[in-house]
PDB file of N, CA and C in Angstrom:
ATOM      1  N   MET A   1     -98.110  73.147-201.446  1.00  0.00           N
ATOM      2  CA  MET A   1     -97.182  72.809-202.511  1.00  0.00           C
ATOM      3  C   MET A   1     -95.778  72.729-201.933  1.00  0.00           C
ATOM      4  N   ALA A   2     -95.095  71.644-202.191  1.00  0.00           N
ATOM      5  CA  ALA A   2     -93.751  71.435-201.674  1.00  0.00           C
ATOM      6  C   ALA A   2     -92.737  72.280-202.451  1.00  0.00           C
ATOM      7  N   LYS A   3     -91.710  72.707-201.752  1.00  0.00           N
ATOM      8  CA  LYS A   3     -90.642  73.459-202.395  1.00  0.00           C
ATOM      9  C   LYS A   3     -89.808  72.491-203.239  1.00  0.00           C
ATOM     10  N   PRO A   4     -89.241  72.956-204.353  1.00  0.00           N
ATOM     11  CA  PRO A   4     -88.373  72.069-205.135  1.00  0.00           C
ATOM     12  C   PRO A   4     -87.123  71.729-204.329  1.00  0.00           C
ATOM     13  N   PHE A   5     -86.695  70.481-204.412  1.00  0.00           N
ATOM     14  CA  PHE A   5     -85.532  70.036-203.648  1.00  0.00           C
ATOM     15  C   PHE A   5     -84.261  70.503-204.349  1.00  0.00           C
ATOM     16  N   PRO A   6     -83.394  71.254-203.657  1.00  0.00           N
ATOM     17  CA  PRO A   6     -82.164  71.750-204.283  1.00  0.00           C
ATOM     18  C   PRO A   6     -81.173  70.611-204.548  1.00  0.00           C
ATOM     19  N   ILE A   7     -80.616  70.592-205.743  1.00  0.00           N
ATOM     20  CA  ILE A   7     -79.674  69.546-206.127  1.00  0.00           C
ATOM     21  C   ILE A   7     -78.333  69.711-205.409  1.00  0.00           C
ATOM     22  N   ASN A   8     -77.728  70.867-205.499  1.00  0.00           N
ATOM     23  CA  ASN A   8     -76.438  71.139-204.850  1.00  0.00           C
ATOM     24  C   ASN A   8     -76.478  72.493-204.156  1.00  0.00           C
ATOM     25  N   PRO A   9     -77.033  72.551-202.936  1.00  0.00           N
ATOM     26  CA  PRO A   9     -77.085  73.835-202.223  1.00  0.00           C
ATOM     27  C   PRO A   9     -75.689  74.295-201.815  1.00  0.00           C
ATOM     28  N   LYS A  10     -75.514  75.609-201.633  1.00  0.00           N
ATOM     29  CA  LYS A  10     -74.202  76.161-201.297  1.00  0.00           C
ATOM     30  C   LYS A  10     -73.709  75.723-199.918  1.00  0.00           C
ATOM     31  N   HIS A  11     -74.569  75.748-198.924  1.00  0.00           N
ATOM     32  CA  HIS A  11     -74.178  75.390-197.551  1.00  0.00           C
ATOM     33  C   HIS A  11     -75.173  74.400-196.964  1.00  0.00           C
ATOM     34  N   PRO A  12     -75.124  73.133-197.389  1.00  0.00           N
ATOM     35  CA  PRO A  12     -76.113  72.166-196.906  1.00  0.00           C
ATOM     36  C   PRO A  12     -76.006  71.893-195.408  1.00  0.00           C
ATOM     37  N   GLU A  13     -74.858  72.155-194.825  1.00  0.00           N
ATOM     38  CA  GLU A  13     -74.665  71.885-193.401  1.00  0.00           C
ATOM     39  C   GLU A  13     -75.435  72.846-192.502  1.00  0.00           C
ATOM     40  N   ARG A  14     -75.977  73.909-193.049  1.00  0.00           N
ATOM     41  CA  ARG A  14     -76.707  74.904-192.264  1.00  0.00           C
ATOM     42  C   ARG A  14     -78.193  74.598-192.113  1.00  0.00           C
ATOM     43  N   ILE A  15     -78.688  73.571-192.821  1.00  0.00           N
ATOM     44  CA  ILE A  15     -80.123  73.301-192.886  1.00  0.00           C
ATOM     45  C   ILE A  15     -80.399  71.836-192.575  1.00  0.00           C
ATOM     46  N   CYS A  16     -81.558  71.568-191.965  1.00  0.00           N
ATOM     47  CA  CYS A  16     -82.048  70.199-191.781  1.00  0.00           C
ATOM     48  C   CYS A  16     -82.878  69.855-193.006  1.00  0.00           C
ATOM     49  N   TRP A  17     -82.600  68.732-193.625  1.00  0.00           N
ATOM     50  CA  TRP A  17     -83.263  68.337-194.871  1.00  0.00           C
ATOM     51  C   TRP A  17     -84.310  67.256-194.644  1.00  0.00           C
ATOM     52  N   GLY A  18     -84.757  67.054-193.405  1.00  0.00           N
ATOM     53  CA  GLY A  18     -85.670  65.969-193.079  1.00  0.00           C
ATOM     54  C   GLY A  18     -87.108  66.173-193.518  1.00  0.00           C
ATOM     55  N   CYS A  19     -87.548  67.401-193.763  1.00  0.00           N
ATOM     56  CA  CYS A  19     -88.923  67.663-194.197  1.00  0.00           C
ATOM     57  C   CYS A  19     -88.938  68.918-195.071  1.00  0.00           C
ATOM     58  N   ASP A  20     -90.105  69.396-195.414  1.00  0.00           N
ATOM     59  CA  ASP A  20     -90.217  70.570-196.289  1.00  0.00           C
ATOM     60  C   ASP A  20     -90.019  71.894-195.568  1.00  0.00           C
ATOM     61  N   ARG A  21     -89.767  71.865-194.272  1.00  0.00           N
ATOM     62  CA  ARG A  21     -89.580  73.117-193.533  1.00  0.00           C
ATOM     63  C   ARG A  21     -88.190  73.711-193.732  1.00  0.00           C
ATOM     64  N   TYR A  22     -87.186  72.876-193.987  1.00  0.00           N
ATOM     65  CA  TYR A  22     -85.799  73.318-194.174  1.00  0.00           C
ATOM     66  C   TYR A  22     -85.348  74.230-193.033  1.00  0.00           C
ATOM     67  N   CYS A  23     -85.457  73.742-191.809  1.00  0.00           N
ATOM     68  CA  CYS A  23     -85.115  74.531-190.616  1.00  0.00           C
ATOM     69  C   CYS A  23     -83.611  74.744-190.503  1.00  0.00           C
ATOM     70  N   ALA A  24     -83.240  75.844-189.870  1.00  0.00           N
ATOM     71  CA  ALA A  24     -81.841  76.076-189.539  1.00  0.00           C
ATOM     72  C   ALA A  24     -81.406  75.049-188.493  1.00  0.00           C
ATOM     73  N   THR A  25     -80.131  74.706-188.482  1.00  0.00           N
ATOM     74  CA  THR A  25     -79.651  73.669-187.570  1.00  0.00           C
ATOM     75  C   THR A  25     -79.796  74.062-186.109  1.00  0.00           C
ATOM     76  N   HIS A  26     -79.843  75.342-185.804  1.00  0.00           N
ATOM     77  CA  HIS A  26     -79.975  75.783-184.413  1.00  0.00           C
ATOM     78  C   HIS A  26     -81.432  75.986-184.000  1.00  0.00           C
ATOM     79  N   ALA A  27     -82.382  75.762-184.902  1.00  0.00           N
ATOM     80  CA  ALA A  27     -83.804  75.979-184.593  1.00  0.00           C
ATOM     81  C   ALA A  27     -84.672  74.921-185.267  1.00  0.00           C
ATOM     82  N   LEU A  28     -84.479  73.661-184.899  1.00  0.00           N
ATOM     83  CA  LEU A  28     -85.251  72.581-185.507  1.00  0.00           C
ATOM     84  C   LEU A  28     -86.693  72.632-185.015  1.00  0.00           C
ATOM     85  N   ALA A  29     -87.648  72.673-185.937  1.00  0.00           N
ATOM     86  CA  ALA A  29     -89.056  72.823-185.578  1.00  0.00           C
ATOM     87  C   ALA A  29     -89.785  71.491-185.428  1.00  0.00           C
ATOM     88  N   CYS A  30     -89.240  70.414-185.932  1.00  0.00           N
ATOM     89  CA  CYS A  30     -89.935  69.126-185.866  1.00  0.00           C
ATOM     90  C   CYS A  30     -90.048  68.618-184.437  1.00  0.00           C
ATOM     91  N   GLY A  31     -89.077  68.907-183.608  1.00  0.00           N
ATOM     92  CA  GLY A  31     -89.145  68.527-182.204  1.00  0.00           C
ATOM     93  C   GLY A  31     -89.055  67.043-181.949  1.00  0.00           C
ATOM     94  N   ASN A  32     -88.441  66.291-182.846  1.00  0.00           N
ATOM     95  CA  ASN A  32     -88.347  64.855-182.635  1.00  0.00           C
ATOM     96  C   ASN A  32     -87.128  64.472-181.792  1.00  0.00           C
ATOM     97  N   GLY A  33     -86.360  65.431-181.354  1.00  0.00           N
ATOM     98  CA  GLY A  33     -85.216  65.165-180.491  1.00  0.00           C
ATOM     99  C   GLY A  33     -83.993  64.630-181.212  1.00  0.00           C
ATOM    100  N   ALA A  34     -84.058  64.542-182.510  1.00  0.00           N
ATOM    101  CA  ALA A  34     -82.945  64.011-183.277  1.00  0.00           C
ATOM    102  C   ALA A  34     -82.052  65.134-183.793  1.00  0.00           C
ATOM    103  N   ASP A  35     -80.925  64.744-184.314  1.00  0.00           N
ATOM    104  CA  ASP A  35     -80.020  65.677-184.975  1.00  0.00           C
ATOM    105  C   ASP A  35     -80.602  65.997-186.349  1.00  0.00           C
ATOM    106  N   ARG A  36     -80.017  66.950-187.038  1.00  0.00           N
ATOM    107  CA  ARG A  36     -80.534  67.329-188.351  1.00  0.00           C
ATOM    108  C   ARG A  36     -80.294  66.214-189.361  1.00  0.00           C
ATOM    109  N   THR A  37     -81.125  66.173-190.385  1.00  0.00           N
ATOM    110  CA  THR A  37     -80.979  65.223-191.482  1.00  0.00           C
ATOM    111  C   THR A  37     -80.051  65.831-192.518  1.00  0.00           C
ATOM    112  N   MET A  38     -79.029  65.083-192.915  1.00  0.00           N
ATOM    113  CA  MET A  38     -78.058  65.591-193.873  1.00  0.00           C
ATOM    114  C   MET A  38     -78.616  65.576-195.287  1.00  0.00           C
ATOM    115  N   HIS A  39     -78.123  66.492-196.125  1.00  0.00           N
ATOM    116  CA  HIS A  39     -78.464  66.520-197.549  1.00  0.00           C
ATOM    117  C   HIS A  39     -77.724  65.355-198.215  1.00  0.00           C
ATOM    118  N   PRO A  40     -78.328  64.734-199.235  1.00  0.00           N
ATOM    119  CA  PRO A  40     -77.649  63.620-199.918  1.00  0.00           C
ATOM    120  C   PRO A  40     -76.269  63.987-200.466  1.00  0.00           C
ATOM    121  N   ALA A  41     -76.055  65.234-200.859  1.00  0.00           N
ATOM    122  CA  ALA A  41     -74.752  65.643-201.375  1.00  0.00           C
ATOM    123  C   ALA A  41     -73.671  65.558-200.290  1.00  0.00           C
ATOM    124  N   GLU A  42     -74.042  65.742-199.033  1.00  0.00           N
ATOM    125  CA  GLU A  42     -73.087  65.632-197.934  1.00  0.00           C
ATOM    126  C   GLU A  42     -72.641  64.187-197.721  1.00  0.00           C
ATOM    127  N   MET A  43     -73.527  63.247-198.001  1.00  0.00           N
ATOM    128  CA  MET A  43     -73.224  61.836-197.768  1.00  0.00           C
ATOM    129  C   MET A  43     -72.683  61.128-199.006  1.00  0.00           C
ATOM    130  N   LEU A  44     -73.203  61.494-200.185  1.00  0.00           N
ATOM    131  CA  LEU A  44     -72.906  60.741-201.402  1.00  0.00           C
ATOM    132  C   LEU A  44     -72.096  61.508-202.435  1.00  0.00           C
ATOM    133  N   GLY A  45     -71.845  62.785-202.228  1.00  0.00           N
ATOM    134  CA  GLY A  45     -71.096  63.589-203.180  1.00  0.00           C
ATOM    135  C   GLY A  45     -72.010  64.413-204.077  1.00  0.00           C
ATOM    136  N   ASP A  46     -71.421  65.298-204.854  1.00  0.00           N
ATOM    137  CA  ASP A  46     -72.181  66.244-205.677  1.00  0.00           C
ATOM    138  C   ASP A  46     -72.965  65.595-206.811  1.00  0.00           C
ATOM    139  N   ASP A  47     -72.618  64.368-207.181  1.00  0.00           N
ATOM    140  CA  ASP A  47     -73.358  63.695-208.254  1.00  0.00           C
ATOM    141  C   ASP A  47     -74.376  62.693-207.704  1.00  0.00           C
ATOM    142  N   TRP A  48     -74.850  62.905-206.507  1.00  0.00           N
ATOM    143  CA  TRP A  48     -75.761  61.986-205.817  1.00  0.00           C
ATOM    144  C   TRP A  48     -77.032  61.704-206.603  1.00  0.00           C
ATOM    145  N   TYR A  49     -77.542  62.678-207.327  1.00  0.00           N
ATOM    146  CA  TYR A  49     -78.821  62.548-208.038  1.00  0.00           C
ATOM    147  C   TYR A  49     -78.715  61.709-209.309  1.00  0.00           C
ATOM    148  N   LEU A  50     -77.510  61.389-209.734  1.00  0.00           N
ATOM    149  CA  LEU A  50     -77.320  60.599-210.949  1.00  0.00           C
ATOM    150  C   LEU A  50     -77.479  59.103-210.686  1.00  0.00           C
ATOM    151  N   HIS A  51     -77.411  58.672-209.437  1.00  0.00           N
ATOM    152  CA  HIS A  51     -77.455  57.259-209.080  1.00  0.00           C
ATOM    153  C   HIS A  51     -78.691  56.983-208.234  1.00  0.00           C
ATOM    154  N   GLY A  52     -79.470  56.016-208.636  1.00  0.00           N
ATOM    155  CA  GLY A  52     -80.655  55.638-207.876  1.00  0.00           C
ATOM    156  C   GLY A  52     -81.905  56.360-208.347  1.00  0.00           C
ATOM    157  N   ASP A  53     -83.017  56.028-207.708  1.00  0.00           N
ATOM    158  CA  ASP A  53     -84.309  56.616-208.049  1.00  0.00           C
ATOM    159  C   ASP A  53     -84.745  57.531-206.906  1.00  0.00           C
ATOM    160  N   TRP A  54     -84.496  58.819-207.042  1.00  0.00           N
ATOM    161  CA  TRP A  54     -84.792  59.787-205.996  1.00  0.00           C
ATOM    162  C   TRP A  54     -86.164  60.425-206.161  1.00  0.00           C
ATOM    163  N   GLY A  55     -86.808  60.232-207.295  1.00  0.00           N
ATOM    164  CA  GLY A  55     -88.124  60.808-207.515  1.00  0.00           C
ATOM    165  C   GLY A  55     -88.087  62.290-207.829  1.00  0.00           C
ATOM    166  N   ILE A  56     -86.948  62.789-208.275  1.00  0.00           N
ATOM    167  CA  ILE A  56     -86.829  64.186-208.686  1.00  0.00           C
ATOM    168  C   ILE A  56     -86.248  64.226-210.091  1.00  0.00           C
ATOM    169  N   GLU A  57     -86.501  65.311-210.785  1.00  0.00           N
ATOM    170  CA  GLU A  57     -85.949  65.461-212.126  1.00  0.00           C
ATOM    171  C   GLU A  57     -84.548  66.038-212.040  1.00  0.00           C
ATOM    172  N   ALA A  58     -83.620  65.411-212.745  1.00  0.00           N
ATOM    173  CA  ALA A  58     -82.252  65.917-212.797  1.00  0.00           C
ATOM    174  C   ALA A  58     -82.229  67.177-213.653  1.00  0.00           C
ATOM    175  N   PRO A  59     -81.329  68.116-213.336  1.00  0.00           N
ATOM    176  CA  PRO A  59     -81.232  69.322-214.169  1.00  0.00           C
ATOM    177  C   PRO A  59     -80.811  68.958-215.594  1.00  0.00           C
ATOM    178  N   ALA A  60     -81.046  69.874-216.525  1.00  0.00           N
ATOM    179  CA  ALA A  60     -80.726  69.628-217.930  1.00  0.00           C
ATOM    180  C   ALA A  60     -79.251  69.294-218.113  1.00  0.00           C
ATOM    181  N   ASN A  61     -78.378  69.997-217.406  1.00  0.00           N
ATOM    182  CA  ASN A  61     -76.948  69.723-217.454  1.00  0.00           C
ATOM    183  C   ASN A  61     -76.627  68.793-216.297  1.00  0.00           C
ATOM    184  N   THR A  62     -76.408  67.509-216.562  1.00  0.00           N
ATOM    185  CA  THR A  62     -76.213  66.530-215.502  1.00  0.00           C
ATOM    186  C   THR A  62     -74.749  66.284-215.165  1.00  0.00           C
ATOM    187  N   ASP A  63     -73.825  67.111-215.711  1.00  0.00           N
ATOM    188  CA  ASP A  63     -72.423  66.960-215.348  1.00  0.00           C
ATOM    189  C   ASP A  63     -72.223  67.391-213.903  1.00  0.00           C
ATOM    190  N   PRO A  64     -71.468  66.618-213.119  1.00  0.00           N
ATOM    191  CA  PRO A  64     -71.166  67.062-211.756  1.00  0.00           C
ATOM    192  C   PRO A  64     -70.427  68.388-211.769  1.00  0.00           C
ATOM    193  N   ILE A  65     -70.489  69.112-210.690  1.00  0.00           N
ATOM    194  CA  ILE A  65     -69.898  70.449-210.602  1.00  0.00           C
ATOM    195  C   ILE A  65     -68.412  70.434-210.945  1.00  0.00           C
ATOM    196  N   GLU A  66     -67.687  69.397-210.527  1.00  0.00           N
ATOM    197  CA  GLU A  66     -66.247  69.350-210.773  1.00  0.00           C
ATOM    198  C   GLU A  66     -65.923  69.300-212.267  1.00  0.00           C
ATOM    199  N   ASN A  67     -66.827  68.730-213.075  1.00  0.00           N
ATOM    200  CA  ASN A  67     -66.566  68.563-214.501  1.00  0.00           C
ATOM    201  C   ASN A  67     -67.081  69.707-215.349  1.00  0.00           C
ATOM    202  N   GLN A  68     -67.751  70.656-214.751  1.00  0.00           N
ATOM    203  CA  GLN A  68     -68.278  71.776-215.510  1.00  0.00           C
ATOM    204  C   GLN A  68     -67.202  72.840-215.679  1.00  0.00           C
ATOM    205  N   GLY A  69     -67.261  73.535-216.762  1.00  0.00           N
ATOM    206  CA  GLY A  69     -66.327  74.623-217.017  1.00  0.00           C
ATOM    207  C   GLY A  69     -66.679  75.845-216.198  1.00  0.00           C
ATOM    208  N   PRO A  70     -65.851  76.879-216.251  1.00  0.00           N
ATOM    209  CA  PRO A  70     -66.149  78.101-215.497  1.00  0.00           C
ATOM    210  C   PRO A  70     -67.422  78.765-216.012  1.00  0.00           C
ATOM    211  N   GLY A  71     -68.078  79.432-215.086  1.00  0.00           N
ATOM    212  CA  GLY A  71     -69.153  80.206-215.564  1.00  0.00           C
ATOM    213  C   GLY A  71     -70.478  80.027-215.124  1.00  0.00           C
TER     214      GLY A  71
END
């Protein structure tokens, strides 16, 4: 069973997002010789899941983090 894909992780730069292993950047287990795969939020912004067909369910509150109130 695959882990649910995090919409806005706290530190996406610390993890490789290329497969379901979610390896640390200093210990990539895939061994393909490539750099880590970036999270979509790093490339497209915090509202990345609102645009396009990603095949995941958006959270109930679809407001981007910047537009949400405190709390």
